[in-house]
Amino acid sequence: MDPPFACPICKAAVTPELKTFPFCSERCRLLDLGAWLDERYRVARPLASAAGAAKGVSEDGEEGGPGAGESDVDSSD
């Protein structure tokens, strides 16, 4: 029977009870962290929609998402 999990770095068998899960050891955890810090791993798609939502830009690139242009002050005076 195959182990339920394999270390993403060295492919050794890993159990969820390990302190270093999903890695088999602290060494593999640090190797993975180093790969992220060296930018060898990348996010598969741009996060523009998530960044735009924080700035009030809709997915089609238009500024002003929900509530844009609204204010608590009545400007009809």
Protein backbone atom coordinates (compact mmCIF):
# COMPACT_ATOMS: atom_id res chain seq x y z
CA MET A 1 0.00 0.00 0.00
CA ASP A 2 1.32 3.45 -0.94
CA PRO A 3 1.78 6.02 1.82
CA PRO A 4 -1.01 8.60 1.88
CA PHE A 5 1.39 11.53 1.41
CA ALA A 6 4.82 12.09 -0.11
CA CYS A 7 7.25 14.88 0.70
CA PRO A 8 7.10 17.41 -2.18
CA ILE A 9 10.91 17.73 -2.13
CA CYS A 10 12.33 14.22 -1.73
CA LYS A 11 9.18 12.09 -2.17
CA ALA A 12 9.70 10.26 1.16
CA ALA A 13 6.61 8.93 2.93
CA VAL A 14 5.01 11.50 5.24
CA THR A 15 2.25 11.25 7.81
CA PRO A 16 0.10 14.21 8.91
CA GLU A 17 1.26 13.69 12.50
CA LEU A 18 4.77 14.91 11.69
CA LYS A 19 5.69 18.35 12.96
CA THR A 20 7.14 19.21 9.55
CA PHE A 21 4.09 18.06 7.52
CA PRO A 22 3.75 18.13 4.50
CA PHE A 23 7.54 17.78 4.42
CA CYS A 24 9.46 14.82 5.82
CA SER A 25 12.07 16.94 7.62
CA GLU A 26 13.13 20.44 8.53
CA ARG A 27 15.73 20.23 5.76
CA CYS A 28 13.03 19.71 3.11
CA ARG A 29 10.96 22.55 4.58
CA LEU A 30 13.95 24.90 4.30
CA LEU A 31 14.74 23.76 0.75
CA ASP A 32 11.15 24.56 -0.25
CA LEU A 33 11.28 27.96 1.46
CA GLY A 34 14.55 28.72 -0.32
CA ALA A 35 12.95 27.87 -3.66
CA TRP A 36 10.13 30.37 -2.98
CA LEU A 37 12.57 33.05 -1.86
CA ASP A 38 14.74 32.48 -4.96
CA GLU A 39 11.56 32.85 -7.06
CA ARG A 40 11.93 29.38 -8.58
CA TYR A 41 8.23 28.84 -7.86
CA ARG A 42 5.64 31.08 -9.47
CA VAL A 43 1.90 31.56 -9.16
CA ALA A 44 0.27 30.03 -12.24
CA ARG A 45 -1.89 33.02 -13.15
CA PRO A 46 -1.79 36.76 -12.52
CA LEU A 47 -3.50 37.94 -9.39
CA ALA A 48 -4.68 41.18 -11.03
CA SER A 49 -8.33 40.60 -10.11
CA ALA A 50 -7.45 40.16 -6.43
CA ALA A 51 -5.17 43.20 -6.42
CA GLY A 52 -7.71 45.24 -8.38
CA ALA A 53 -10.52 44.36 -5.99
CA ALA A 54 -8.51 45.82 -3.14
CA LYS A 55 -8.05 49.05 -5.11
CA GLY A 56 -11.68 49.24 -6.28
CA VAL A 57 -10.96 48.12 -9.84
CA SER A 58 -13.43 45.67 -11.38
CA GLU A 59 -12.34 42.56 -13.28
CA ASP A 60 -12.79 44.34 -16.64
CA GLY A 61 -10.28 46.99 -15.56
CA GLU A 62 -12.82 49.73 -14.89
CA GLU A 63 -12.24 51.71 -11.75
CA GLY A 64 -14.96 52.07 -9.23
CA GLY A 65 -16.29 48.66 -8.20
CA PRO A 66 -19.34 48.43 -5.93
CA GLY A 67 -20.14 51.66 -4.15
CA ALA A 68 -17.78 53.77 -6.24
CA GLY A 69 -18.78 57.37 -6.45
CA GLU A 70 -21.14 57.04 -3.52
CA SER A 71 -20.52 59.15 -0.47
CA ASP A 72 -22.21 59.89 2.81
CA VAL A 73 -22.37 63.59 1.95
CA ASP A 74 -25.35 64.87 -0.05
CA SER A 75 -23.91 66.99 -2.88
CA SER A 76 -27.28 68.37 -4.06
CA ASP A 77 -26.95 71.54 -1.93
